[in-house]
Protein backbone atom coordinates (compact mmCIF):
# COMPACT_ATOMS: atom_id res chain seq x y z
CA MET A 1 140.25 47.07 133.42
CA LYS A 2 141.45 46.42 136.96
CA LYS A 3 140.86 50.04 137.91
CA ARG A 4 137.35 49.99 136.43
CA LEU A 5 136.46 46.84 138.37
CA LEU A 6 137.86 48.25 141.57
CA SER A 7 135.82 51.43 141.09
CA PHE A 8 132.69 49.39 140.48
CA TYR A 9 133.00 47.60 143.80
CA ALA A 10 133.90 50.76 145.62
CA VAL A 11 130.59 52.26 144.48
CA LEU A 12 128.75 49.37 146.14
CA LEU A 13 130.18 50.50 149.46
CA LEU A 14 128.02 53.63 149.32
CA ILE A 15 124.77 51.80 150.12
CA GLY A 16 123.22 53.28 153.25
CA ILE A 17 120.81 55.79 154.69
CA VAL A 18 121.71 59.06 156.42
CA SER A 19 120.21 58.94 159.90
CA THR A 20 118.79 61.63 162.15
CA PRO A 21 120.43 62.18 165.55
CA ALA A 22 119.44 59.75 168.28
CA CYS A 23 122.15 60.63 170.76
CA GLN A 24 121.01 64.25 170.87
CA ASP A 25 117.87 63.35 172.81
CA ASP A 26 117.46 65.69 175.76
CA VAL A 27 117.81 63.68 178.95
CA LEU A 28 117.68 66.01 181.89
CA ASP A 29 118.90 65.23 185.38
CA VAL A 30 115.89 66.64 187.17
CA ASN A 31 113.32 65.14 189.52
CA GLU A 32 110.86 68.01 189.42
CA ASN A 33 107.18 67.04 189.51
CA GLN A 34 107.98 63.34 189.89
CA ASP A 35 106.83 60.93 192.55
CA THR A 36 109.36 58.11 192.25
CA VAL A 37 110.26 55.14 194.40
CA SER A 38 113.32 52.94 193.88
CA HIS A 39 112.84 49.17 193.93
CA GLU A 40 115.35 46.48 194.76
CA LEU A 41 115.50 43.12 193.02
CA LYS A 42 112.38 41.03 193.60
CA ARG A 43 111.51 37.54 192.44
CA GLY A 44 108.53 35.27 191.91
CA GLY A 45 104.86 35.87 191.32
CA LYS A 46 102.70 35.95 188.23
CA LYS A 47 102.56 38.76 185.73
CA THR A 48 99.23 40.51 185.35
CA ASP A 49 97.60 41.69 182.15
CA VAL A 50 98.83 45.00 180.71
CA ASP A 51 96.39 47.74 179.80
CA GLN A 52 97.16 47.88 176.06
CA ALA A 53 95.16 51.07 175.57
CA ASP A 54 97.42 52.70 178.12
CA LEU A 55 100.51 51.63 176.17
CA TYR A 56 99.46 52.24 172.58
CA GLY A 57 98.44 55.86 173.05
CA ASP A 58 100.72 58.88 172.74
CA LEU A 59 103.75 57.18 171.18
CA TRP A 60 105.82 60.36 171.15
CA GLN A 61 109.33 61.40 171.84
CA MET A 62 109.30 63.32 175.09
CA GLU A 63 111.42 65.02 177.73
CA ARG A 64 112.95 62.52 180.15
CA ASP A 65 115.27 62.57 183.14
CA ASN A 66 118.62 60.81 183.36
CA SER A 67 116.96 57.54 184.39
CA GLY A 68 114.82 57.45 181.24
CA VAL A 69 111.61 58.35 183.09
CA PRO A 70 109.28 60.97 181.52
CA ILE A 71 109.25 64.34 183.30
CA LEU A 72 105.72 65.17 184.45
CA TYR A 73 104.06 68.57 184.65
CA GLU A 74 101.03 69.35 186.81
CA LEU A 75 97.83 70.46 185.07
CA LYS A 76 94.92 71.47 187.32
CA TYR A 77 91.35 71.04 186.17
CA ARG A 78 88.00 72.23 187.48
CA THR A 79 84.77 71.08 185.85
CA ASP A 80 81.09 70.34 186.49
CA TYR A 81 79.67 66.84 186.73
CA GLN A 82 75.93 66.50 187.38
CA ASP A 83 75.82 70.03 188.86
CA ASN A 84 78.76 69.29 191.17
CA LEU A 85 82.10 71.06 190.93
CA VAL A 86 84.94 68.56 190.46
CA GLU A 87 88.60 69.50 190.86
CA GLY A 88 91.71 67.46 190.28
CA ILE A 89 95.18 67.23 188.76
CA ILE A 90 96.38 65.64 185.54
CA ASP A 91 100.07 64.88 184.90
CA VAL A 92 101.22 65.67 181.35
CA VAL A 93 104.55 65.42 179.52
CA ASN A 94 106.62 67.76 177.37
CA PRO A 95 106.61 66.28 173.83
CA ARG A 96 109.41 66.77 171.33
CA LEU A 97 108.16 69.05 168.54
CA ASP A 98 109.43 69.52 165.01
CA GLY A 99 109.18 73.25 164.54
CA SER A 100 107.93 76.60 165.78
CA PHE A 101 104.15 77.06 165.73
CA THR A 102 101.26 79.23 166.94
CA ILE A 103 98.36 77.97 169.07
CA ASN A 104 95.30 79.36 170.81
CA ALA A 105 96.25 78.48 174.38
CA LEU A 106 93.85 78.47 177.31
CA VAL A 107 94.39 81.30 179.79
CA ARG A 108 94.78 80.12 183.38
CA ASP A 109 94.45 82.06 186.62
CA ALA A 110 97.06 82.39 189.35
CA ASP A 111 95.99 79.04 190.84
CA GLY A 112 96.39 77.25 187.52
CA TYR A 113 92.75 76.82 186.55
CA VAL A 114 91.27 77.70 183.14
CA THR A 115 89.48 81.06 183.05
CA TYR A 116 86.07 81.59 181.40
CA GLU A 117 83.88 84.41 180.17
CA PRO A 118 80.06 84.46 179.83
CA SER A 119 78.55 83.38 176.54
CA SER A 120 76.46 85.84 174.52
CA ASN A 121 73.53 83.54 175.28
CA PRO A 122 73.07 83.40 179.08
CA GLU A 123 71.68 79.88 178.84
CA ASP A 124 74.85 78.53 177.20
CA ASP A 125 77.96 77.38 179.05
CA GLN A 126 80.73 79.85 179.67
CA ILE A 127 83.46 80.12 177.05
CA PRO A 128 87.12 79.49 177.94
CA ILE A 129 89.39 82.48 177.38
CA THR A 130 92.27 81.86 174.95
CA VAL A 131 95.34 83.75 173.84
CA SER A 132 97.45 83.31 170.70
CA LEU A 133 100.96 82.07 171.54
CA THR A 134 103.90 81.47 169.22
CA PHE A 135 106.56 79.05 170.45
CA VAL A 136 110.21 79.13 169.48
CA LEU A 137 111.60 75.79 170.55
CA ASP A 138 114.75 75.15 172.55
CA GLU A 139 116.22 71.77 171.52
CA ASN A 140 112.77 70.80 170.17
CA PHE A 141 111.01 71.35 173.50
CA VAL A 142 108.99 74.25 174.87
CA ASP A 143 110.28 75.72 178.11
CA PRO A 144 108.93 74.14 181.33
CA GLU A 145 106.79 77.18 182.12
CA SER A 146 104.85 76.73 178.86
CA VAL A 147 104.16 72.97 178.83
CA ILE A 148 100.61 73.29 180.20
CA ALA A 149 99.71 75.63 177.34
CA LEU A 150 100.05 72.67 174.94
CA TYR A 151 97.00 70.97 176.49
CA ASP A 152 93.26 71.63 176.76
CA ALA A 153 91.28 71.83 180.00
CA GLU A 154 91.02 68.02 180.30
CA GLY A 155 94.65 67.21 179.60
CA GLU A 156 94.34 66.36 175.88
CA ILE A 157 97.06 67.79 173.66
CA LEU A 158 95.80 70.57 171.36
CA PRO A 159 95.28 69.62 167.67
CA GLU A 160 97.78 72.26 166.50
CA VAL A 161 100.39 70.77 168.82
CA ALA A 162 99.59 67.17 167.87
CA ALA A 163 100.42 68.03 164.25
CA CYS A 164 103.96 69.00 165.33
CA VAL A 165 104.68 66.17 167.79
CA VAL A 166 107.61 63.94 166.79
CA PRO A 167 106.23 60.37 166.73
CA LEU A 168 108.13 57.17 167.41
CA GLU A 169 109.14 55.18 164.35
CA PHE A 170 109.49 51.59 165.52
CA GLY A 171 110.15 50.03 162.12
CA ARG A 172 111.24 46.43 162.62
CA LEU A 173 110.87 46.82 166.39
CA ASP A 174 107.14 46.47 165.78
CA ILE A 175 107.74 42.74 166.21
CA ILE A 176 107.51 43.39 169.96
CA ARG A 177 103.74 43.39 169.46
CA SER A 178 103.97 39.63 168.94
CA PRO A 179 102.50 37.53 171.77
CA ALA A 180 104.84 36.87 174.69
CA THR A 181 104.88 33.18 173.78
CA VAL A 182 106.59 34.04 170.48
CA ILE A 183 109.47 35.71 172.33
CA GLU A 184 109.71 32.80 174.78
CA LYS A 185 109.93 30.26 171.94
CA ARG A 186 112.70 32.22 170.25
CA LEU A 187 114.75 32.23 173.44
CA ALA A 188 114.24 28.47 173.64
CA GLU A 189 115.53 28.25 170.08
CA VAL A 190 118.66 30.18 171.05
CA ILE A 191 119.36 27.78 173.92
CA LYS A 192 118.73 24.78 171.67
CA ASN A 193 121.22 26.09 169.09
CA PHE A 194 123.90 26.54 171.74
CA GLY A 195 123.34 23.03 173.01
CA ASP A 196 123.40 21.16 169.68
CA GLY A 197 127.02 20.07 170.14
CA THR A 198 128.57 22.40 167.53
CA VAL A 199 129.42 25.42 169.72
CA ALA A 200 132.84 25.47 171.37
CA ASN A 201 132.89 28.93 172.91
CA VAL A 202 131.08 32.24 173.13
CA THR A 203 132.25 35.78 172.53
CA ARG A 204 130.83 39.10 171.26
CA ASP A 205 131.10 40.31 167.67
CA PHE A 206 131.96 43.74 166.24
CA CYS A 207 128.62 45.22 167.29
CA GLY A 208 128.36 43.50 170.67
CA ARG A 209 126.06 40.61 169.77
CA ILE A 210 126.52 37.18 171.31
CA MET A 211 128.60 35.11 168.89
CA MET A 212 129.03 31.34 168.63
CA PHE A 213 132.44 29.87 167.81
CA ARG A 214 132.06 26.38 166.35
CA THR A 215 133.96 23.25 167.22
CA ASP A 216 136.69 22.09 164.84
CA ALA A 217 134.50 19.15 163.80
CA ALA A 218 131.58 21.46 162.99
CA ILE A 219 133.85 23.72 160.93
CA GLU A 220 135.06 20.71 158.95
CA GLU A 221 131.43 19.85 158.19
CA GLY A 222 130.77 23.33 156.81
CA ALA A 223 129.40 25.16 159.85
CA GLU A 224 130.52 28.77 160.38
CA ASP A 225 131.20 30.94 163.36
CA LYS A 226 128.17 33.22 163.58
CA PRO A 227 126.51 35.79 165.79
CA ILE A 228 122.90 35.60 166.88
CA ASP A 229 121.48 37.67 164.04
CA SER A 230 117.71 37.11 164.25
CA PRO A 231 115.86 40.23 165.47
CA LEU A 232 113.35 38.18 167.48
CA GLU A 233 116.07 36.08 169.09
CA ASN A 234 118.02 39.19 170.06
CA LEU A 235 114.92 40.78 171.57
CA ALA A 236 114.23 37.55 173.45
CA ILE A 237 117.76 37.70 174.91
CA TYR A 238 117.29 41.40 175.67
CA LYS A 239 114.13 40.72 177.64
CA GLU A 240 115.68 37.83 179.56
CA LEU A 241 118.78 39.87 180.45
CA LEU A 242 116.78 42.79 181.82
CA LEU A 243 114.32 40.66 183.75
CA ASN A 244 116.52 37.83 185.04
CA GLY A 245 120.12 38.42 184.01
CA PHE A 246 121.94 35.07 184.00
CA THR A 247 120.04 33.63 186.97
CA LYS A 248 117.72 31.14 185.20
CA SER A 249 118.85 27.73 183.97
CA ALA A 250 118.54 26.47 180.40
CA GLU A 251 115.74 24.11 181.48
CA ASP A 252 113.84 27.17 182.73
CA ASN A 253 114.47 29.01 179.45
CA GLY A 254 117.29 31.07 180.92
CA LEU A 255 120.86 32.06 180.07
CA LYS A 256 122.79 30.75 183.07
CA PHE A 257 124.55 28.17 180.86
CA LEU A 258 126.49 30.99 179.15
CA ILE A 259 128.45 31.90 182.27
CA GLU A 260 128.79 28.67 184.27
CA GLU A 261 128.16 24.96 184.23
CA GLU A 262 124.70 23.63 184.87
CA LEU A 263 124.29 20.25 186.49
CA GLY A 264 124.18 17.55 183.84
CA LEU A 265 124.32 20.04 180.98
CA GLY A 266 127.74 21.66 181.15
CA GLY A 267 128.16 25.31 180.29
CA PHE A 268 130.36 28.02 178.82
CA ASN A 269 132.72 30.46 180.49
CA PHE A 270 131.48 33.57 178.65
CA GLN A 271 133.86 36.43 179.47
CA PHE A 272 133.27 40.15 179.09
CA ARG A 273 134.92 43.51 178.91
CA PHE A 274 133.27 46.55 180.45
CA ASP A 275 132.86 49.12 177.70
CA HIS A 276 133.69 51.93 180.14
CA ASN A 277 136.69 50.07 181.64
CA TRP A 278 138.21 48.22 178.70
CA ASP A 279 141.74 48.05 180.08
CA ALA A 280 140.60 45.79 182.90
CA GLY A 281 140.40 43.05 180.28
CA ALA A 282 137.88 40.28 179.72
CA GLN A 283 136.73 38.60 182.86
CA PRO A 284 134.27 35.85 183.76
CA TYR A 285 130.95 36.73 185.30
CA SER A 286 131.94 35.01 188.55
CA TYR A 287 134.62 37.67 189.07
CA LEU A 288 132.04 40.44 189.37
CA THR A 289 131.79 41.29 193.03
CA ASN A 290 128.86 43.68 193.24
CA TYR A 291 125.38 44.21 191.86
CA GLY A 292 126.37 47.46 190.14
CA ASP A 293 129.01 45.72 187.99
CA GLU A 294 126.50 43.02 187.04
CA CYS A 295 123.97 45.67 185.97
CA GLN A 296 126.59 47.57 183.96
CA LEU A 297 127.66 44.44 182.11
CA LEU A 298 124.09 43.34 181.42
CA MET A 299 123.18 46.78 180.07
CA ASN A 300 126.23 46.74 177.74
CA LEU A 301 125.07 43.41 176.32
CA ALA A 302 121.39 44.40 176.29
CA ALA A 303 122.20 47.53 174.25
CA ALA A 304 123.69 45.31 171.55
CA CYS A 305 120.68 42.98 171.61
CA ILE A 306 118.06 45.70 171.17
CA SER A 307 120.12 47.26 168.37
CA ALA A 308 120.18 43.90 166.56
CA GLY A 309 116.40 43.76 166.93
CA SER A 310 115.91 47.13 165.22
CA ASP A 311 116.33 48.38 161.64
CA LYS A 312 119.96 48.37 160.53
CA SER A 313 119.49 51.58 158.52
CA ASN A 314 117.58 53.49 161.21
CA THR A 315 118.44 55.06 164.55
CA LEU A 316 117.56 54.22 168.14
CA ASN A 317 116.63 56.75 170.81
CA ILE A 318 115.69 56.47 174.45
CA ASP A 319 111.97 56.93 173.76
CA GLU A 320 111.87 53.89 171.49
CA ILE A 321 113.80 51.82 174.01
CA VAL A 322 111.53 52.75 176.92
CA PHE A 323 108.39 51.99 174.93
CA VAL A 324 109.87 48.65 173.81
CA ASN A 325 110.30 47.87 177.51
CA LEU A 326 106.70 48.80 178.25
CA PHE A 327 105.35 46.69 175.37
CA MET A 328 107.45 43.68 176.38
CA GLY A 329 106.57 43.90 180.07
CA ILE A 330 109.97 45.07 181.34
CA PRO A 331 109.85 45.30 184.34
CA GLU A 332 107.27 42.61 185.11
CA VAL A 333 104.50 44.26 187.13
CA ILE A 334 102.26 42.25 189.41
CA GLY A 335 99.03 43.53 190.91
CA THR A 336 98.71 46.80 189.00
CA GLY A 337 95.49 48.61 189.85
CA ILE A 338 93.80 52.00 189.94
CA ASP A 339 94.87 54.25 192.81
CA MET A 340 97.33 51.70 194.13
CA PRO A 341 100.94 50.76 193.34
CA ALA A 342 101.99 47.31 192.17
CA SER A 343 102.29 44.61 194.79
CA GLN A 344 105.49 43.35 193.17
CA VAL A 345 107.93 44.46 190.47
CA ASN A 346 110.29 41.88 188.94
CA CYS A 347 113.48 43.00 187.21
CA PHE A 348 117.16 42.16 187.51
CA LEU A 349 118.06 45.83 186.98
CA PRO A 350 116.94 48.59 189.37
CA THR A 351 113.53 50.08 188.60
CA ILE A 352 111.63 53.28 189.25
CA GLU A 353 107.95 53.67 190.08
CA GLN A 354 106.14 56.72 188.75
CA LYS A 355 102.70 57.82 189.87
CA ILE A 356 100.67 59.43 187.06
CA ARG A 357 97.52 61.38 187.95
CA MET A 358 94.70 61.17 185.42
CA MET A 359 91.08 62.22 184.98
CA ASP A 360 88.22 59.79 184.47
CA LYS A 361 86.42 60.95 181.30
CA THR A 362 83.03 59.79 182.61
CA ASP A 363 82.58 61.34 186.04
CA LYS A 364 85.69 63.60 185.95
CA HIS A 365 87.21 62.27 189.16
CA GLU A 366 90.98 62.12 189.58
CA TYR A 367 92.64 58.72 189.78
CA SER A 368 96.21 57.43 189.59
CA ARG A 369 97.99 55.03 187.33
CA TYR A 370 101.40 53.62 188.30
CA ARG A 371 104.04 52.89 185.69
CA TYR A 372 107.41 51.21 186.15
CA TYR A 373 110.67 51.85 184.35
CA VAL A 374 114.16 50.37 184.17
CA ASP A 375 116.54 52.81 185.89
CA TYR A 376 119.46 53.61 183.55
CA SER A 377 120.95 56.38 185.70
CA SER A 378 124.09 54.41 186.72
CA PHE A 379 125.06 53.41 183.16
CA GLU A 380 128.44 54.44 181.71
CA TYR A 381 129.73 54.24 178.14
CA ASP A 382 132.68 55.60 176.15
CA ARG A 383 132.91 53.81 172.75
CA ARG A 384 136.09 51.99 173.67
CA LYS A 385 134.91 48.76 172.03
CA PHE A 386 134.75 50.45 168.64
CA GLN A 387 138.28 51.77 169.10
CA GLU A 388 139.47 48.17 169.57
CA THR A 389 137.59 46.67 166.61
CA LEU A 390 139.59 46.29 163.38
CA LEU A 391 138.34 45.85 159.81
CA ASP A 392 140.06 45.21 156.49
CA TYR A 393 138.89 47.14 153.43
CA VAL A 394 139.05 44.76 150.47
CA THR A 395 137.90 44.57 146.89
CA ILE A 396 137.51 41.86 144.28
CA VAL A 397 139.92 42.16 141.36
CA GLY A 398 139.54 40.29 138.10
CA ASP A 399 142.20 37.98 136.75
CA TYR A 400 142.69 38.16 132.98
CA ASP A 401 144.47 35.99 130.45
CA PRO A 402 147.50 38.02 129.32
CA ASP A 403 147.17 36.73 125.76
CA THR A 404 143.41 36.92 125.11
CA GLY A 405 142.32 39.48 127.72
CA ALA A 406 139.51 37.13 128.80
CA LEU A 407 138.39 37.12 132.42
CA ILE A 408 139.54 33.82 133.91
CA GLY A 409 138.97 34.37 137.62
CA SER A 410 139.28 36.83 140.46
CA HIS A 411 141.05 37.39 143.76
CA ILE A 412 140.62 39.55 146.84
CA GLU A 413 142.92 42.51 147.18
CA VAL A 414 143.31 44.36 150.49
CA LEU A 415 143.03 48.10 149.94
CA LYS A 416 143.74 48.94 153.59
CA ASP A 417 144.08 46.66 156.56
CA ASN A 418 143.61 47.26 160.28
CA MET A 419 141.08 50.05 159.87
CA VAL A 420 139.56 51.03 163.23
CA LEU A 421 135.76 50.77 163.30
CA HIS A 422 135.58 53.87 165.50
CA ASN A 423 137.52 55.86 162.90
CA ILE A 424 135.20 54.64 160.13
CA LEU A 425 132.19 55.85 162.08
CA MET A 426 133.96 59.15 162.76
CA GLY A 427 134.62 59.58 159.01
CA LEU A 428 138.41 59.38 159.44
CA GLU A 429 139.26 56.31 157.32
CA PRO A 430 140.10 56.59 153.56
CA LEU A 431 136.81 55.34 152.12
CA THR A 432 134.94 57.12 149.36
CA GLN A 433 133.53 60.51 150.35
CA ASP A 434 129.95 59.31 149.97
CA ALA A 435 130.67 56.37 152.26
CA ILE A 436 132.29 58.71 154.79
CA ASN A 437 129.15 60.88 154.72
CA ILE A 438 126.76 57.93 155.03
CA TYR A 439 128.34 55.60 157.56
CA ARG A 440 128.74 57.73 160.64
CA TYR A 441 127.89 57.78 164.29
CA THR A 442 124.56 59.50 164.77
CA ASP A 443 126.28 61.75 167.29
CA LYS A 444 129.79 62.71 166.17
CA GLU A 445 130.91 63.97 169.56
CA ASP A 446 133.44 61.49 170.91
CA GLN A 447 132.80 61.90 174.59
CA PRO A 448 131.66 59.66 177.44
CA THR A 449 127.92 59.44 177.95
CA THR A 450 126.05 58.22 181.00
CA GLY A 451 122.60 57.30 182.20
CA ALA A 452 119.64 56.83 179.87
CA LEU A 453 121.28 58.93 177.15
CA GLY A 454 124.39 56.75 177.38
CA PHE A 455 122.37 53.55 177.02
CA ALA A 456 120.47 54.88 174.01
CA CYS A 457 123.70 56.19 172.48
CA GLN A 458 125.44 52.83 172.82
CA ALA A 459 122.47 50.98 171.32
CA ASP A 460 122.38 53.44 168.42
CA ASP A 461 126.16 53.17 167.92
CA TYR A 462 125.74 49.42 167.59
CA VAL A 463 123.05 50.02 164.96
CA GLN A 464 125.44 52.20 162.94
CA ALA A 465 128.29 49.68 163.31
CA LEU A 466 125.99 46.88 162.20
CA GLU A 467 124.86 48.90 159.17
CA VAL A 468 128.32 49.74 157.88
CA VAL A 469 129.66 46.17 158.21
CA HIS A 470 126.49 44.28 157.32
CA ASN A 471 125.75 46.37 154.23
CA ASN A 472 129.33 46.00 153.01
CA GLU A 473 130.38 42.59 154.25
CA GLU A 474 132.07 41.82 150.93
CA PHE A 475 134.34 44.84 151.33
CA LEU A 476 134.67 45.45 155.08
CA VAL A 477 135.90 42.29 156.77
CA TRP A 478 135.92 42.05 160.56
CA GLU A 479 139.19 40.69 161.91
CA LYS A 480 137.90 37.97 164.21
CA LEU A 481 140.58 37.48 166.82
CA THR A 482 140.78 34.68 169.32
CA PRO A 483 140.01 36.30 172.70
CA ILE A 484 142.96 36.74 175.04
CA TRP A 485 141.77 36.77 178.62
CA VAL A 486 143.58 38.84 181.23
CA HIS A 487 142.95 36.21 183.88
CA ASN A 488 144.95 33.01 183.60
CA MET A 489 142.11 30.55 183.27
CA PRO A 490 141.86 27.45 181.06
CA ILE A 491 139.81 28.21 177.96
CA THR A 492 138.43 25.39 175.84
CA TRP A 493 138.78 26.32 172.19
CA GLY A 494 137.53 24.32 169.26
CA SER A 495 137.98 20.77 170.50
CA PHE A 496 134.47 20.06 171.80
CA SER A 497 131.23 21.66 172.94
CA PRO A 498 131.11 22.12 176.72
CA PHE A 499 127.31 22.49 176.71
CA ASN A 500 124.81 19.94 175.42
CA PHE A 501 121.10 20.43 175.84
CA VAL A 502 118.14 18.77 174.16
CA PRO A 503 114.97 20.65 175.15
CA GLU A 504 111.67 18.98 175.75
CA GLU A 505 109.75 18.57 172.53
CA GLU A 506 106.54 20.57 172.43
CA SER A 507 103.51 18.37 172.00
CA HIS A 508 101.01 19.32 169.30
CA GLY A 509 98.57 16.50 169.95
CA ASN A 510 95.61 16.01 172.25
CA LYS A 511 96.35 12.46 173.34
CA PRO A 512 95.28 11.51 176.89
CA ASP A 513 97.89 11.28 179.62
CA GLY A 514 99.64 7.90 179.71
CA LYS A 515 98.94 7.21 176.04
CA GLY A 516 101.25 7.51 173.06
CA ASP A 517 105.01 7.95 172.78
CA ASP A 518 105.59 9.12 176.34
CA THR A 519 104.30 5.86 177.83
CA GLU A 520 107.02 3.80 179.49
CA SER A 521 107.80 0.56 177.73
CA ASP A 522 107.04 -2.71 179.51
CA GLU A 523 110.05 -4.29 177.83
CA GLY A 524 113.69 -3.86 178.74
CA ASP A 525 114.74 -1.09 181.05
CA GLY A 526 112.17 1.29 179.58
CA GLY A 527 112.52 5.03 179.73
CA SER A 528 110.44 8.01 178.81
CA SER A 529 111.14 9.61 175.45
CA GLY A 530 109.03 12.62 176.23
CA GLY A 531 111.18 14.08 179.03
CA LYS A 532 113.98 16.59 178.82
CA GLY A 533 117.12 15.09 177.39
CA LYS A 534 120.28 15.99 179.25
CA GLY A 535 123.72 15.65 177.85
CA GLY A 536 126.87 15.89 179.90
CA ARG A 537 130.33 16.89 178.71
CA ARG A 538 131.55 15.08 175.66
């Protein structure tokens, strides 16, 4: 009976979905056909409206450079508008395609313009000359010399090609389409939860998410140590990290309280390990001496946050991440206009400006649109965190009365302890064969990755780690260890919450100013109950 019960629970471990490779995205270190400008950190200003039509079109996977920026290819056009010859240039991208195919491509002359032949009826317009081309793809892309053949004379992708383009599957990440106020309120909720007096310290869990360790008093009352699990809350943290890092205070809806004390509120001493330099140990944010280290650390944490905002049984690739940034307004762009760059770009991380030439469909004139991207080129990653994360493989075994054979209870039995999460995702731990086949890294090559590919790979690795543990939390138990810091600094653990914050209550009424609950009392020493409550150390 014990063996049958054990087998039953082992079968439950097989739940999962086999994923397609995300870490095999082609990210090329080329700058060809790109007009890019690097931007340093800038602050202040007001964000302008985003052209949603510009964002919601062409949600494809595409060829990108090592910064995560799409590689552009020049397409020349020549057309008539009201009996005037109009010439210009359109910038197009190389989409990822899902198979070989044949198209009727436009023939272009030596200068790059479409060629025509007279119509059988002299009064009709000339007919563009086409040629049948069959493409055999290299890593799902056509070669750079053939990209223009995928488009018509006005820069629209040909219907035969559109049928083979690999689209983006956002899944749960579609929540980024929520209004910006929704994301802001969820970040406020995160800060409120940290400041409710039950959180003693902060660390990161097995898949990199921010995790709250409760005070001893909260544990006694039934509270549990828990990571920030909500997809919207993780995406809110992701956005704040990329735009502002830890620079904004809790009262300004920021995360500064995680790394240092804020006046009147207290604060945590959140300490980190660099995933590409694990042996240096955990260190406080104040020990980081240069902007590059700050960016590296923020990107490590941001990768975990965007993974927690996505589907646990899916994959993440660089195209999805870049489009999430564009939808969420990362970087913040101020003063975007036609034929002119932004007047200001706000982002904690370095950014890149890309000029995209387009054709006006009405009068056929060429104009430019400017788009801004987070620059991931300096990112480094090597999966060390997963090599240091341990899990126990357990099962539930029935207890039976030796005389009657009746089931009278159960207990947990450890099948194997100290399993390495990295080895599980490499298929090297003694789970069932189906589980070994299902719960794997998307990319099985255990090698360092850098740049945009590295960032996408780390985010996707976190997705796979979250899937294997989350889907099997009854059988794979994370060994939560008390952090041991390399630096000899006093760490408060369990006795009290070092951060207390009561945010301002949002008013839902339409009462006139000076009326209602926020009016100062004429009796006693008074005091406004509508202001921001501040709690010091307890």
